[in-house]
Amino acid sequence: MNLQEYLPIILFILVGTAIGIAPQVIGFIMGPNRPDAAKNSPYECGFEAFEDARMQFDVRYYLVAILFILFDLEIAFLFPWAVSLRDIGPSGFWAMMVFLGILVVGLVYEWKKGALDWE
């Protein structure tokens, strides 16, 4: 086993790890650490910053996040389909229409159940 053959791979891994870790370490060491009431206040999630981890919370935050991911992935599937639409022909078009129809039924269901309503 010759180490010279693996040197580019090892170097690539080391440089990639350094690029990923070095900015975080530099920011931790050189960055200011002055917490105040505004920084420790609830921001987007609505939770208090430092309380009991076993407190009750509203599940709607996670429901909205899951729905966002679901419908975001739906859009992500449309891009490769649109690029290859000429190659896949009518059968690919109708397969995507069935896929979108199922997703629209799911969206209407979630809408009727009130999962998209924010109180």
PDB file of N, CA and C in Angstrom:
ATOM      1  N   MET A   1       0.852  -1.175   0.000  1.00  0.00           N
ATOM      2  CA  MET A   1       0.000   0.000   0.000  1.00  0.00           C
ATOM      3  C   MET A   1       0.901   1.243   0.000  1.00  0.00           C
ATOM      4  N   ASN A   2       0.725   2.056  -0.995  1.00  0.00           N
ATOM      5  CA  ASN A   2       1.540   3.246  -1.156  1.00  0.00           C
ATOM      6  C   ASN A   2       0.765   4.464  -0.659  1.00  0.00           C
ATOM      7  N   LEU A   3       1.328   5.174   0.307  1.00  0.00           N
ATOM      8  CA  LEU A   3       0.665   6.349   0.879  1.00  0.00           C
ATOM      9  C   LEU A   3       0.599   7.502  -0.124  1.00  0.00           C
ATOM     10  N   GLN A   4       1.512   7.506  -1.087  1.00  0.00           N
ATOM     11  CA  GLN A   4       1.529   8.559  -2.096  1.00  0.00           C
ATOM     12  C   GLN A   4       0.236   8.573  -2.925  1.00  0.00           C
ATOM     13  N   GLU A   5      -0.375   7.426  -3.125  1.00  0.00           N
ATOM     14  CA  GLU A   5      -1.603   7.348  -3.915  1.00  0.00           C
ATOM     15  C   GLU A   5      -2.791   7.956  -3.171  1.00  0.00           C
ATOM     16  N   TYR A   6      -2.787   7.857  -1.868  1.00  0.00           N
ATOM     17  CA  TYR A   6      -3.904   8.349  -1.067  1.00  0.00           C
ATOM     18  C   TYR A   6      -3.704   9.774  -0.561  1.00  0.00           C
ATOM     19  N   LEU A   7      -2.551  10.360  -0.848  1.00  0.00           N
ATOM     20  CA  LEU A   7      -2.253  11.697  -0.362  1.00  0.00           C
ATOM     21  C   LEU A   7      -3.267  12.747  -0.846  1.00  0.00           C
ATOM     22  N   PRO A   8      -3.676  12.773  -2.105  1.00  0.00           N
ATOM     23  CA  PRO A   8      -4.675  13.774  -2.517  1.00  0.00           C
ATOM     24  C   PRO A   8      -6.013  13.614  -1.789  1.00  0.00           C
ATOM     25  N   ILE A   9      -6.413  12.390  -1.527  1.00  0.00           N
ATOM     26  CA  ILE A   9      -7.679  12.152  -0.831  1.00  0.00           C
ATOM     27  C   ILE A   9      -7.580  12.606   0.618  1.00  0.00           C
ATOM     28  N   ILE A  10      -6.482  12.259   1.262  1.00  0.00           N
ATOM     29  CA  ILE A  10      -6.278  12.671   2.654  1.00  0.00           C
ATOM     30  C   ILE A  10      -6.195  14.191   2.744  1.00  0.00           C
ATOM     31  N   LEU A  11      -5.499  14.817   1.809  1.00  0.00           N
ATOM     32  CA  LEU A  11      -5.382  16.268   1.787  1.00  0.00           C
ATOM     33  C   LEU A  11      -6.747  16.920   1.568  1.00  0.00           C
ATOM     34  N   PHE A  12      -7.540  16.358   0.679  1.00  0.00           N
ATOM     35  CA  PHE A  12      -8.889  16.871   0.422  1.00  0.00           C
ATOM     36  C   PHE A  12      -9.751  16.802   1.678  1.00  0.00           C
ATOM     37  N   ILE A  13      -9.688  15.693   2.391  1.00  0.00           N
ATOM     38  CA  ILE A  13     -10.468  15.538   3.625  1.00  0.00           C
ATOM     39  C   ILE A  13      -9.995  16.519   4.692  1.00  0.00           C
ATOM     40  N   LEU A  14      -8.701  16.671   4.840  1.00  0.00           N
ATOM     41  CA  LEU A  14      -8.168  17.592   5.850  1.00  0.00           C
ATOM     42  C   LEU A  14      -8.515  19.043   5.539  1.00  0.00           C
ATOM     43  N   VAL A  15      -8.382  19.447   4.280  1.00  0.00           N
ATOM     44  CA  VAL A  15      -8.713  20.828   3.907  1.00  0.00           C
ATOM     45  C   VAL A  15     -10.208  21.070   4.072  1.00  0.00           C
ATOM     46  N   GLY A  16     -11.030  20.130   3.673  1.00  0.00           N
ATOM     47  CA  GLY A  16     -12.481  20.274   3.840  1.00  0.00           C
ATOM     48  C   GLY A  16     -12.885  20.369   5.297  1.00  0.00           C
ATOM     49  N   THR A  17     -12.272  19.557   6.137  1.00  0.00           N
ATOM     50  CA  THR A  17     -12.560  19.620   7.567  1.00  0.00           C
ATOM     51  C   THR A  17     -12.105  20.947   8.156  1.00  0.00           C
ATOM     52  N   ALA A  18     -10.931  21.417   7.750  1.00  0.00           N
ATOM     53  CA  ALA A  18     -10.430  22.700   8.257  1.00  0.00           C
ATOM     54  C   ALA A  18     -11.330  23.852   7.809  1.00  0.00           C
ATOM     55  N   ILE A  19     -11.793  23.826   6.578  1.00  0.00           N
ATOM     56  CA  ILE A  19     -12.676  24.891   6.089  1.00  0.00           C
ATOM     57  C   ILE A  19     -14.007  24.859   6.824  1.00  0.00           C
ATOM     58  N   GLY A  20     -14.452  23.706   7.231  1.00  0.00           N
ATOM     59  CA  GLY A  20     -15.712  23.608   7.956  1.00  0.00           C
ATOM     60  C   GLY A  20     -15.605  23.979   9.423  1.00  0.00           C
ATOM     61  N   ILE A  21     -14.491  23.671  10.040  1.00  0.00           N
ATOM     62  CA  ILE A  21     -14.346  23.882  11.481  1.00  0.00           C
ATOM     63  C   ILE A  21     -13.704  25.226  11.820  1.00  0.00           C
ATOM     64  N   ALA A  22     -12.733  25.679  11.025  1.00  0.00           N
ATOM     65  CA  ALA A  22     -11.978  26.892  11.352  1.00  0.00           C
ATOM     66  C   ALA A  22     -12.863  28.129  11.514  1.00  0.00           C
ATOM     67  N   PRO A  23     -13.814  28.432  10.630  1.00  0.00           N
ATOM     68  CA  PRO A  23     -14.633  29.632  10.846  1.00  0.00           C
ATOM     69  C   PRO A  23     -15.463  29.568  12.126  1.00  0.00           C
ATOM     70  N   GLN A  24     -15.911  28.396  12.500  1.00  0.00           N
ATOM     71  CA  GLN A  24     -16.687  28.277  13.726  1.00  0.00           C
ATOM     72  C   GLN A  24     -15.816  28.515  14.952  1.00  0.00           C
ATOM     73  N   VAL A  25     -14.623  27.972  14.945  1.00  0.00           N
ATOM     74  CA  VAL A  25     -13.716  28.158  16.072  1.00  0.00           C
ATOM     75  C   VAL A  25     -13.284  29.625  16.161  1.00  0.00           C
ATOM     76  N   ILE A  26     -12.961  30.229  15.026  1.00  0.00           N
ATOM     77  CA  ILE A  26     -12.556  31.637  15.026  1.00  0.00           C
ATOM     78  C   ILE A  26     -13.700  32.524  15.508  1.00  0.00           C
ATOM     79  N   GLY A  27     -14.907  32.252  15.071  1.00  0.00           N
ATOM     80  CA  GLY A  27     -16.057  33.028  15.527  1.00  0.00           C
ATOM     81  C   GLY A  27     -16.330  32.855  17.007  1.00  0.00           C
ATOM     82  N   PHE A  28     -16.137  31.652  17.508  1.00  0.00           N
ATOM     83  CA  PHE A  28     -16.340  31.406  18.940  1.00  0.00           C
ATOM     84  C   PHE A  28     -15.295  32.132  19.780  1.00  0.00           C
ATOM     85  N   ILE A  29     -14.057  32.123  19.314  1.00  0.00           N
ATOM     86  CA  ILE A  29     -12.975  32.753  20.075  1.00  0.00           C
ATOM     87  C   ILE A  29     -13.031  34.276  19.969  1.00  0.00           C
ATOM     88  N   MET A  30     -13.234  34.810  18.778  1.00  0.00           N
ATOM     89  CA  MET A  30     -13.144  36.248  18.574  1.00  0.00           C
ATOM     90  C   MET A  30     -14.486  36.976  18.669  1.00  0.00           C
ATOM     91  N   GLY A  31     -15.576  36.255  18.612  1.00  0.00           N
ATOM     92  CA  GLY A  31     -16.883  36.894  18.621  1.00  0.00           C
ATOM     93  C   GLY A  31     -17.272  37.412  19.992  1.00  0.00           C
ATOM     94  N   PRO A  32     -18.095  38.463  20.016  1.00  0.00           N
ATOM     95  CA  PRO A  32     -18.528  38.989  21.314  1.00  0.00           C
ATOM     96  C   PRO A  32     -19.524  38.045  21.979  1.00  0.00           C
ATOM     97  N   ASN A  33     -19.481  38.011  23.289  1.00  0.00           N
ATOM     98  CA  ASN A  33     -20.406  37.189  24.059  1.00  0.00           C
ATOM     99  C   ASN A  33     -21.009  38.072  25.147  1.00  0.00           C
ATOM    100  N   ARG A  34     -22.023  38.843  24.752  1.00  0.00           N
ATOM    101  CA  ARG A  34     -22.679  39.759  25.681  1.00  0.00           C
ATOM    102  C   ARG A  34     -24.179  39.491  25.670  1.00  0.00           C
ATOM    103  N   PRO A  35     -24.630  38.451  26.342  1.00  0.00           N
ATOM    104  CA  PRO A  35     -26.063  38.178  26.351  1.00  0.00           C
ATOM    105  C   PRO A  35     -26.818  39.243  27.145  1.00  0.00           C
ATOM    106  N   ASP A  36     -27.993  39.591  26.653  1.00  0.00           N
ATOM    107  CA  ASP A  36     -28.858  40.513  27.385  1.00  0.00           C
ATOM    108  C   ASP A  36     -30.295  40.011  27.253  1.00  0.00           C
ATOM    109  N   ALA A  37     -31.226  40.754  27.775  1.00  0.00           N
ATOM    110  CA  ALA A  37     -32.624  40.308  27.788  1.00  0.00           C
ATOM    111  C   ALA A  37     -33.178  40.155  26.374  1.00  0.00           C
ATOM    112  N   ALA A  38     -32.784  41.032  25.465  1.00  0.00           N
ATOM    113  CA  ALA A  38     -33.300  40.954  24.094  1.00  0.00           C
ATOM    114  C   ALA A  38     -32.784  39.715  23.368  1.00  0.00           C
ATOM    115  N   LYS A  39     -31.511  39.376  23.590  1.00  0.00           N
ATOM    116  CA  LYS A  39     -30.957  38.199  22.926  1.00  0.00           C
ATOM    117  C   LYS A  39     -31.518  36.903  23.486  1.00  0.00           C
ATOM    118  N   ASN A  40     -31.890  36.886  24.748  1.00  0.00           N
ATOM    119  CA  ASN A  40     -32.413  35.679  25.367  1.00  0.00           C
ATOM    120  C   ASN A  40     -33.932  35.586  25.296  1.00  0.00           C
ATOM    121  N   SER A  41     -34.580  36.533  24.646  1.00  0.00           N
ATOM    122  CA  SER A  41     -36.041  36.511  24.555  1.00  0.00           C
ATOM    123  C   SER A  41     -36.481  35.569  23.436  1.00  0.00           C
ATOM    124  N   PRO A  42     -37.743  35.123  23.468  1.00  0.00           N
ATOM    125  CA  PRO A  42     -38.232  34.250  22.398  1.00  0.00           C
ATOM    126  C   PRO A  42     -38.204  34.976  21.070  1.00  0.00           C
ATOM    127  N   TYR A  43     -37.806  34.273  20.031  1.00  0.00           N
ATOM    128  CA  TYR A  43     -37.731  34.901  18.722  1.00  0.00           C
ATOM    129  C   TYR A  43     -38.823  34.346  17.814  1.00  0.00           C
ATOM    130  N   GLU A  44     -38.503  33.420  16.944  1.00  0.00           N
ATOM    131  CA  GLU A  44     -39.490  32.903  16.013  1.00  0.00           C
ATOM    132  C   GLU A  44     -40.253  31.701  16.554  1.00  0.00           C
ATOM    133  N   CYS A  45     -39.628  30.930  17.406  1.00  0.00           N
ATOM    134  CA  CYS A  45     -40.263  29.697  17.847  1.00  0.00           C
ATOM    135  C   CYS A  45     -41.315  29.944  18.909  1.00  0.00           C
ATOM    136  N   GLY A  46     -41.251  31.068  19.628  1.00  0.00           N
ATOM    137  CA  GLY A  46     -42.243  31.371  20.643  1.00  0.00           C
ATOM    138  C   GLY A  46     -41.950  30.763  21.994  1.00  0.00           C
ATOM    139  N   PHE A  47     -40.854  30.033  22.130  1.00  0.00           N
ATOM    140  CA  PHE A  47     -40.492  29.432  23.402  1.00  0.00           C
ATOM    141  C   PHE A  47     -39.641  30.409  24.206  1.00  0.00           C
ATOM    142  N   GLU A  48     -39.736  30.325  25.510  1.00  0.00           N
ATOM    143  CA  GLU A  48     -38.799  31.061  26.339  1.00  0.00           C
ATOM    144  C   GLU A  48     -37.426  30.429  26.155  1.00  0.00           C
ATOM    145  N   ALA A  49     -36.386  31.245  26.183  1.00  0.00           N
ATOM    146  CA  ALA A  49     -35.045  30.762  25.860  1.00  0.00           C
ATOM    147  C   ALA A  49     -34.527  29.749  26.885  1.00  0.00           C
ATOM    148  N   PHE A  50     -34.752  30.003  28.158  1.00  0.00           N
ATOM    149  CA  PHE A  50     -34.197  29.111  29.179  1.00  0.00           C
ATOM    150  C   PHE A  50     -35.292  28.770  30.182  1.00  0.00           C
ATOM    151  N   GLU A  51     -35.957  27.665  29.946  1.00  0.00           N
ATOM    152  CA  GLU A  51     -36.971  27.154  30.865  1.00  0.00           C
ATOM    153  C   GLU A  51     -36.818  25.648  30.954  1.00  0.00           C
ATOM    154  N   ASP A  52     -37.771  25.032  31.597  1.00  0.00           N
ATOM    155  CA  ASP A  52     -37.763  23.580  31.726  1.00  0.00           C
ATOM    156  C   ASP A  52     -37.940  22.941  30.354  1.00  0.00           C
ATOM    157  N   ALA A  53     -37.144  21.942  30.055  1.00  0.00           N
ATOM    158  CA  ALA A  53     -37.206  21.279  28.762  1.00  0.00           C
ATOM    159  C   ALA A  53     -38.469  20.438  28.614  1.00  0.00           C
ATOM    160  N   ARG A  54     -39.149  20.165  29.717  1.00  0.00           N
ATOM    161  CA  ARG A  54     -40.335  19.313  29.662  1.00  0.00           C
ATOM    162  C   ARG A  54     -41.635  20.113  29.635  1.00  0.00           C
ATOM    163  N   MET A  55     -41.554  21.403  29.335  1.00  0.00           N
ATOM    164  CA  MET A  55     -42.773  22.217  29.303  1.00  0.00           C
ATOM    165  C   MET A  55     -43.622  21.845  28.092  1.00  0.00           C
ATOM    166  N   GLN A  56     -44.904  22.088  28.187  1.00  0.00           N
ATOM    167  CA  GLN A  56     -45.794  21.805  27.074  1.00  0.00           C
ATOM    168  C   GLN A  56     -45.637  22.891  26.027  1.00  0.00           C
ATOM    169  N   PHE A  57     -45.767  22.508  24.781  1.00  0.00           N
ATOM    170  CA  PHE A  57     -45.638  23.463  23.700  1.00  0.00           C
ATOM    171  C   PHE A  57     -46.655  23.126  22.623  1.00  0.00           C
ATOM    172  N   ASP A  58     -46.876  24.083  21.770  1.00  0.00           N
ATOM    173  CA  ASP A  58     -47.854  23.932  20.702  1.00  0.00           C
ATOM    174  C   ASP A  58     -47.222  23.161  19.544  1.00  0.00           C
ATOM    175  N   VAL A  59     -47.890  22.138  19.082  1.00  0.00           N
ATOM    176  CA  VAL A  59     -47.363  21.273  18.032  1.00  0.00           C
ATOM    177  C   VAL A  59     -47.497  21.928  16.656  1.00  0.00           C
ATOM    178  N   ARG A  60     -48.232  23.033  16.564  1.00  0.00           N
ATOM    179  CA  ARG A  60     -48.444  23.669  15.261  1.00  0.00           C
ATOM    180  C   ARG A  60     -47.144  24.123  14.614  1.00  0.00           C
ATOM    181  N   TYR A  61     -46.139  24.482  15.415  1.00  0.00           N
ATOM    182  CA  TYR A  61     -44.864  24.881  14.838  1.00  0.00           C
ATOM    183  C   TYR A  61     -44.292  23.737  13.998  1.00  0.00           C
ATOM    184  N   TYR A  62     -44.309  22.555  14.541  1.00  0.00           N
ATOM    185  CA  TYR A  62     -43.761  21.406  13.837  1.00  0.00           C
ATOM    186  C   TYR A  62     -44.660  20.979  12.678  1.00  0.00           C
ATOM    187  N   LEU A  63     -45.949  21.111  12.838  1.00  0.00           N
ATOM    188  CA  LEU A  63     -46.863  20.765  11.755  1.00  0.00           C
ATOM    189  C   LEU A  63     -46.649  21.670  10.553  1.00  0.00           C
ATOM    190  N   VAL A  64     -46.507  22.955  10.806  1.00  0.00           N
ATOM    191  CA  VAL A  64     -46.265  23.888   9.709  1.00  0.00           C
ATOM    192  C   VAL A  64     -44.914  23.594   9.058  1.00  0.00           C
ATOM    193  N   ALA A  65     -43.902  23.266   9.847  1.00  0.00           N
ATOM    194  CA  ALA A  65     -42.586  22.946   9.290  1.00  0.00           C
ATOM    195  C   ALA A  65     -42.637  21.693   8.427  1.00  0.00           C
ATOM    196  N   ILE A  66     -43.345  20.680   8.884  1.00  0.00           N
ATOM    197  CA  ILE A  66     -43.462  19.442   8.110  1.00  0.00           C
ATOM    198  C   ILE A  66     -44.226  19.691   6.817  1.00  0.00           C
ATOM    199  N   LEU A  67     -45.293  20.472   6.888  1.00  0.00           N
ATOM    200  CA  LEU A  67     -46.043  20.781   5.671  1.00  0.00           C
ATOM    201  C   LEU A  67     -45.204  21.593   4.693  1.00  0.00           C
ATOM    202  N   PHE A  68     -44.410  22.520   5.209  1.00  0.00           N
ATOM    203  CA  PHE A  68     -43.531  23.287   4.335  1.00  0.00           C
ATOM    204  C   PHE A  68     -42.544  22.372   3.622  1.00  0.00           C
ATOM    205  N   ILE A  69     -41.932  21.455   4.365  1.00  0.00           N
ATOM    206  CA  ILE A  69     -40.962  20.540   3.758  1.00  0.00           C
ATOM    207  C   ILE A  69     -41.638  19.667   2.715  1.00  0.00           C
ATOM    208  N   LEU A  70     -42.835  19.195   3.015  1.00  0.00           N
ATOM    209  CA  LEU A  70     -43.560  18.342   2.076  1.00  0.00           C
ATOM    210  C   LEU A  70     -43.826  19.061   0.763  1.00  0.00           C
ATOM    211  N   PHE A  71     -44.363  20.264   0.826  1.00  0.00           N
ATOM    212  CA  PHE A  71     -44.716  20.966  -0.398  1.00  0.00           C
ATOM    213  C   PHE A  71     -43.493  21.601  -1.055  1.00  0.00           C
ATOM    214  N   ASP A  72     -42.437  21.829  -0.308  1.00  0.00           N
ATOM    215  CA  ASP A  72     -41.191  22.290  -0.901  1.00  0.00           C
ATOM    216  C   ASP A  72     -40.567  21.170  -1.732  1.00  0.00           C
ATOM    217  N   LEU A  73     -40.622  19.951  -1.228  1.00  0.00           N
ATOM    218  CA  LEU A  73     -40.111  18.819  -2.005  1.00  0.00           C
ATOM    219  C   LEU A  73     -40.946  18.575  -3.251  1.00  0.00           C
ATOM    220  N   GLU A  74     -42.222  18.860  -3.150  1.00  0.00           N
ATOM    221  CA  GLU A  74     -43.079  18.738  -4.341  1.00  0.00           C
ATOM    222  C   GLU A  74     -42.558  19.644  -5.446  1.00  0.00           C
ATOM    223  N   ILE A  75     -42.220  20.862  -5.114  1.00  0.00           N
ATOM    224  CA  ILE A  75     -41.695  21.798  -6.106  1.00  0.00           C
ATOM    225  C   ILE A  75     -40.329  21.328  -6.606  1.00  0.00           C
ATOM    226  N   ALA A  76     -39.528  20.751  -5.727  1.00  0.00           N
ATOM    227  CA  ALA A  76     -38.202  20.273  -6.135  1.00  0.00           C
ATOM    228  C   ALA A  76     -38.317  19.147  -7.153  1.00  0.00           C
ATOM    229  N   PHE A  77     -39.365  18.353  -7.092  1.00  0.00           N
ATOM    230  CA  PHE A  77     -39.568  17.291  -8.084  1.00  0.00           C
ATOM    231  C   PHE A  77     -40.027  17.839  -9.425  1.00  0.00           C
ATOM    232  N   LEU A  78     -40.576  19.038  -9.453  1.00  0.00           N
ATOM    233  CA  LEU A  78     -41.063  19.604 -10.705  1.00  0.00           C
ATOM    234  C   LEU A  78     -39.935  20.063 -11.626  1.00  0.00           C
ATOM    235  N   PHE A  79     -38.808  20.494 -11.078  1.00  0.00           N
ATOM    236  CA  PHE A  79     -37.730  21.015 -11.916  1.00  0.00           C
ATOM    237  C   PHE A  79     -37.136  19.958 -12.845  1.00  0.00           C
ATOM    238  N   PRO A  80     -36.703  18.793 -12.342  1.00  0.00           N
ATOM    239  CA  PRO A  80     -36.172  17.803 -13.289  1.00  0.00           C
ATOM    240  C   PRO A  80     -37.237  17.281 -14.248  1.00  0.00           C
ATOM    241  N   TRP A  81     -38.463  17.234 -13.787  1.00  0.00           N
ATOM    242  CA  TRP A  81     -39.551  16.797 -14.663  1.00  0.00           C
ATOM    243  C   TRP A  81     -39.734  17.785 -15.803  1.00  0.00           C
ATOM    244  N   ALA A  82     -39.705  19.081 -15.499  1.00  0.00           N
ATOM    245  CA  ALA A  82     -39.897  20.096 -16.534  1.00  0.00           C
ATOM    246  C   ALA A  82     -38.742  20.106 -17.522  1.00  0.00           C
ATOM    247  N   VAL A  83     -37.528  19.845 -17.056  1.00  0.00           N
ATOM    248  CA  VAL A  83     -36.367  19.841 -17.948  1.00  0.00           C
ATOM    249  C   VAL A  83     -36.434  18.652 -18.909  1.00  0.00           C
ATOM    250  N   SER A  84     -36.886  17.512 -18.432  1.00  0.00           N
ATOM    251  CA  SER A  84     -36.903  16.307 -19.271  1.00  0.00           C
ATOM    252  C   SER A  84     -38.277  16.010 -19.853  1.00  0.00           C
ATOM    253  N   LEU A  85     -39.156  16.981 -19.907  1.00  0.00           N
ATOM    254  CA  LEU A  85     -40.525  16.734 -20.356  1.00  0.00           C
ATOM    255  C   LEU A  85     -40.577  16.263 -21.803  1.00  0.00           C
ATOM    256  N   ARG A  86     -39.728  16.805 -22.671  1.00  0.00           N
ATOM    257  CA  ARG A  86     -39.740  16.373 -24.084  1.00  0.00           C
ATOM    258  C   ARG A  86     -39.289  14.921 -24.228  1.00  0.00           C
ATOM    259  N   ASP A  87     -38.377  14.490 -23.369  1.00  0.00           N
ATOM    260  CA  ASP A  87     -37.845  13.132 -23.474  1.00  0.00           C
ATOM    261  C   ASP A  87     -38.796  12.088 -22.908  1.00  0.00           C
ATOM    262  N   ILE A  88     -39.566  12.428 -21.890  1.00  0.00           N
ATOM    263  CA  ILE A  88     -40.404  11.415 -21.246  1.00  0.00           C
ATOM    264  C   ILE A  88     -41.766  11.274 -21.915  1.00  0.00           C
ATOM    265  N   GLY A  89     -42.181  12.245 -22.693  1.00  0.00           N
ATOM    266  CA  GLY A  89     -43.400  12.129 -23.484  1.00  0.00           C
ATOM    267  C   GLY A  89     -44.682  12.248 -22.678  1.00  0.00           C
ATOM    268  N   PRO A  90     -45.788  11.865 -23.314  1.00  0.00           N
ATOM    269  CA  PRO A  90     -47.097  12.007 -22.662  1.00  0.00           C
ATOM    270  C   PRO A  90     -47.265  11.140 -21.416  1.00  0.00           C
ATOM    271  N   SER A  91     -46.644   9.980 -21.388  1.00  0.00           N
ATOM    272  CA  SER A  91     -46.801   9.132 -20.198  1.00  0.00           C
ATOM    273  C   SER A  91     -46.156   9.787 -18.975  1.00  0.00           C
ATOM    274  N   GLY A  92     -45.009  10.431 -19.150  1.00  0.00           N
ATOM    275  CA  GLY A  92     -44.375  11.145 -18.056  1.00  0.00           C
ATOM    276  C   GLY A  92     -45.181  12.358 -17.632  1.00  0.00           C
ATOM    277  N   PHE A  93     -45.802  13.018 -18.596  1.00  0.00           N
ATOM    278  CA  PHE A  93     -46.650  14.166 -18.270  1.00  0.00           C
ATOM    279  C   PHE A  93     -47.831  13.739 -17.412  1.00  0.00           C
ATOM    280  N   TRP A  94     -48.502  12.666 -17.813  1.00  0.00           N
ATOM    281  CA  TRP A  94     -49.689  12.237 -17.060  1.00  0.00           C
ATOM    282  C   TRP A  94     -49.314  11.615 -15.719  1.00  0.00           C
ATOM    283  N   ALA A  95     -48.152  10.994 -15.633  1.00  0.00           N
ATOM    284  CA  ALA A  95     -47.694  10.484 -14.332  1.00  0.00           C
ATOM    285  C   ALA A  95     -47.478  11.639 -13.353  1.00  0.00           C
ATOM    286  N   MET A  96     -46.911  12.735 -13.837  1.00  0.00           N
ATOM    287  CA  MET A  96     -46.727  13.892 -12.964  1.00  0.00           C
ATOM    288  C   MET A  96     -48.066  14.536 -12.626  1.00  0.00           C
ATOM    289  N   MET A  97     -48.992  14.525 -13.524  1.00  0.00           N
ATOM    290  CA  MET A  97     -50.314  15.083 -13.224  1.00  0.00           C
ATOM    291  C   MET A  97     -51.002  14.271 -12.120  1.00  0.00           C
ATOM    292  N   VAL A  98     -50.837  12.941 -12.151  1.00  0.00           N
ATOM    293  CA  VAL A  98     -51.386  12.110 -11.079  1.00  0.00           C
ATOM    294  C   VAL A  98     -50.697  12.437  -9.757  1.00  0.00           C
ATOM    295  N   PHE A  99     -49.375  12.592  -9.789  1.00  0.00           N
ATOM    296  CA  PHE A  99     -48.608  12.955  -8.593  1.00  0.00           C
ATOM    297  C   PHE A  99     -49.084  14.290  -8.038  1.00  0.00           C
ATOM    298  N   LEU A 100     -49.216  15.291  -8.892  1.00  0.00           N
ATOM    299  CA  LEU A 100     -49.681  16.595  -8.444  1.00  0.00           C
ATOM    300  C   LEU A 100     -51.124  16.540  -7.953  1.00  0.00           C
ATOM    301  N   GLY A 101     -51.943  15.715  -8.583  1.00  0.00           N
ATOM    302  CA  GLY A 101     -53.328  15.559  -8.125  1.00  0.00           C
ATOM    303  C   GLY A 101     -53.393  14.996  -6.714  1.00  0.00           C
ATOM    304  N   ILE A 102     -52.570  13.999  -6.435  1.00  0.00           N
ATOM    305  CA  ILE A 102     -52.531  13.422  -5.082  1.00  0.00           C
ATOM    306  C   ILE A 102     -52.075  14.477  -4.075  1.00  0.00           C
ATOM    307  N   LEU A 103     -51.086  15.267  -4.454  1.00  0.00           N
ATOM    308  CA  LEU A 103     -50.618  16.310  -3.549  1.00  0.00           C
ATOM    309  C   LEU A 103     -51.650  17.414  -3.353  1.00  0.00           C
ATOM    310  N   VAL A 104     -52.402  17.734  -4.380  1.00  0.00           N
ATOM    311  CA  VAL A 104     -53.465  18.740  -4.236  1.00  0.00           C
ATOM    312  C   VAL A 104     -54.558  18.212  -3.320  1.00  0.00           C
ATOM    313  N   VAL A 105     -54.886  16.930  -3.427  1.00  0.00           N
ATOM    314  CA  VAL A 105     -55.871  16.342  -2.519  1.00  0.00           C
ATOM    315  C   VAL A 105     -55.367  16.434  -1.077  1.00  0.00           C
ATOM    316  N   GLY A 106     -54.074  16.175  -0.867  1.00  0.00           N
ATOM    317  CA  GLY A 106     -53.500  16.305   0.468  1.00  0.00           C
ATOM    318  C   GLY A 106     -53.527  17.739   0.973  1.00  0.00           C
ATOM    319  N   LEU A 107     -53.263  18.690   0.086  1.00  0.00           N
ATOM    320  CA  LEU A 107     -53.313  20.097   0.469  1.00  0.00           C
ATOM    321  C   LEU A 107     -54.732  20.523   0.837  1.00  0.00           C
ATOM    322  N   VAL A 108     -55.703  20.099   0.067  1.00  0.00           N
ATOM    323  CA  VAL A 108     -57.101  20.434   0.373  1.00  0.00           C
ATOM    324  C   VAL A 108     -57.513  19.802   1.701  1.00  0.00           C
ATOM    325  N   TYR A 109     -57.088  18.580   1.944  1.00  0.00           N
ATOM    326  CA  TYR A 109     -57.387  17.913   3.206  1.00  0.00           C
ATOM    327  C   TYR A 109     -56.816  18.695   4.386  1.00  0.00           C
ATOM    328  N   GLU A 110     -55.534  19.087   4.271  1.00  0.00           N
ATOM    329  CA  GLU A 110     -54.904  19.851   5.348  1.00  0.00           C
ATOM    330  C   GLU A 110     -55.579  21.206   5.529  1.00  0.00           C
ATOM    331  N   TRP A 111     -56.004  21.807   4.434  1.00  0.00           N
ATOM    332  CA  TRP A 111     -56.676  23.100   4.501  1.00  0.00           C
ATOM    333  C   TRP A 111     -58.004  22.967   5.227  1.00  0.00           C
ATOM    334  N   LYS A 112     -58.768  21.922   4.878  1.00  0.00           N
ATOM    335  CA  LYS A 112     -60.075  21.703   5.512  1.00  0.00           C
ATOM    336  C   LYS A 112     -59.944  21.338   6.983  1.00  0.00           C
ATOM    337  N   LYS A 113     -58.882  20.640   7.352  1.00  0.00           N
ATOM    338  CA  LYS A 113     -58.660  20.274   8.759  1.00  0.00           C
ATOM    339  C   LYS A 113     -58.178  21.470   9.591  1.00  0.00           C
ATOM    340  N   GLY A 114     -57.768  22.564   8.925  1.00  0.00           N
ATOM    341  CA  GLY A 114     -57.328  23.742   9.644  1.00  0.00           C
ATOM    342  C   GLY A 114     -55.860  23.733  10.001  1.00  0.00           C
ATOM    343  N   ALA A 115     -55.086  22.857   9.373  1.00  0.00           N
ATOM    344  CA  ALA A 115     -53.669  22.786   9.710  1.00  0.00           C
ATOM    345  C   ALA A 115     -52.907  24.014   9.213  1.00  0.00           C
ATOM    346  N   LEU A 116     -53.447  24.719   8.247  1.00  0.00           N
ATOM    347  CA  LEU A 116     -52.775  25.902   7.713  1.00  0.00           C
ATOM    348  C   LEU A 116     -53.237  27.187   8.369  1.00  0.00           C
ATOM    349  N   ASP A 117     -54.206  27.108   9.281  1.00  0.00           N
ATOM    350  CA  ASP A 117     -54.698  28.293   9.983  1.00  0.00           C
ATOM    351  C   ASP A 117     -53.770  28.607  11.144  1.00  0.00           C
ATOM    352  N   TRP A 118     -53.382  29.852  11.236  1.00  0.00           N
ATOM    353  CA  TRP A 118     -52.504  30.283  12.317  1.00  0.00           C
ATOM    354  C   TRP A 118     -53.270  31.242  13.202  1.00  0.00           C
ATOM    355  N   GLU A 119     -53.409  30.867  14.469  1.00  0.00           N
ATOM    356  CA  GLU A 119     -54.191  31.675  15.396  1.00  0.00           C
ATOM    357  C   GLU A 119     -53.328  32.591  16.223  1.00  0.00           C
TER     358      GLU A 119
END
